């Protein structure tokens, strides 16, 4: 009789209201207790609770081993963001931990409180506050850090197990903000060397590059003022047209460019919107990647282009700032250079004798090695296995030897 009454209560809206009034961590413990008492009870739960109960049962199968669990948190609404693909790519190279991408805070709590000391990998520093507010201890949180934003308070990052900025400049800024340097490691995410490491040995077709200048970026219009100005779309459009008018072949790689209202730009410049797996062919067919962003954490396109043998010209921000101008075929421009100055430098580089041939690709790949997905997976797995950052570093995890430079 009492068993029947209990099952009727579990089906009731009152039980749902009681559960939902509890903190998430306590909800987890209530449902865990029910499921451990009678596993079949999951079939009786209302739909609003069944999902999380099933989530717990799934997690239980992972928890029977000693393999660490890493929960990547990217809330609903961030679908399709490059960070989602980044986490999945890194996870595909992991061999010492289970990686799960979580988008719902309830699911995050169920997975966290139902396993043994997992690590929550916040895919953006702005999510850290949400994670802590759901009852997850800061000591179990690692934050990926793309680039600084003046309006963002980073004080909460100081309590985390580790903060992983994309480049040396951001690592220095975090250290200056008071974050313990033992919790910081440059985490230059990232690219797949199997996809973006073609054969550039003598006799290959590495120099058969019909396209002169390549821009890689999706298009956003001026209504997204911050992103529009940070990525320097007005300069990209003006420079692309100027180069094309002067006889240079220019390509822009990315989606959304049909929304660009500059008809002349779309007429003069080749626009390609292809799957990411087809990007290598575009890089391999281009001489020079141009990245005029005012501020960058990366960009990933710079890693991919460098791996595919392109020369690069960028502002001194993000990954390019790890090298001196001219090192390994990577050239730098002042952040506020004019369109004419950009154009003059593009033409100068394209006219350099044997510029592509002189790039030391072996040394390039050694330099890029810390940015490969396998090396990045190792960093996160080390944190999960040791429950702390064991190899802090405020600089790019590879030093170029002067004798190996191509200038």
Foldseek 3Di string as FASTA:
>chain_A
DVVVVVLVVQLDVVVVVVLVVDQLLVNLVVLVVVCVVPVCSLVSHDPVCSVLSVLLVVLVVVQVDPQAEEEEEDAPVCPPPVLVVLQVQLQVLADRHHYHYDHDLSSVSNNCSSHDLHAYEYSEQVCPVVNVVSPDAQLRYEYEYQADDVPDDCPSVLRHQAYEFQFLVRLVVVVVVPRPLQRYAHQNAAAALVLQADDPDPPDPLPQAQAEEEEEDADDDCVVVVVCQQQPVVLVQVLQLVCLVVPHAYEYEYYDCVVDPPPSSPVRHHYHYDDPSCVLVNLSNYAEYEGLGLETSAPPVVLSSLSSQHQYEYACYHPLVLDDAQWLNYHHDHNPDHSVVVNVVSVVQSPPPCSSVQRPNVLSCVQNVSRYSNNSSVQVSVCSVVSHRPDRDSHRPDDRDPVPTRD
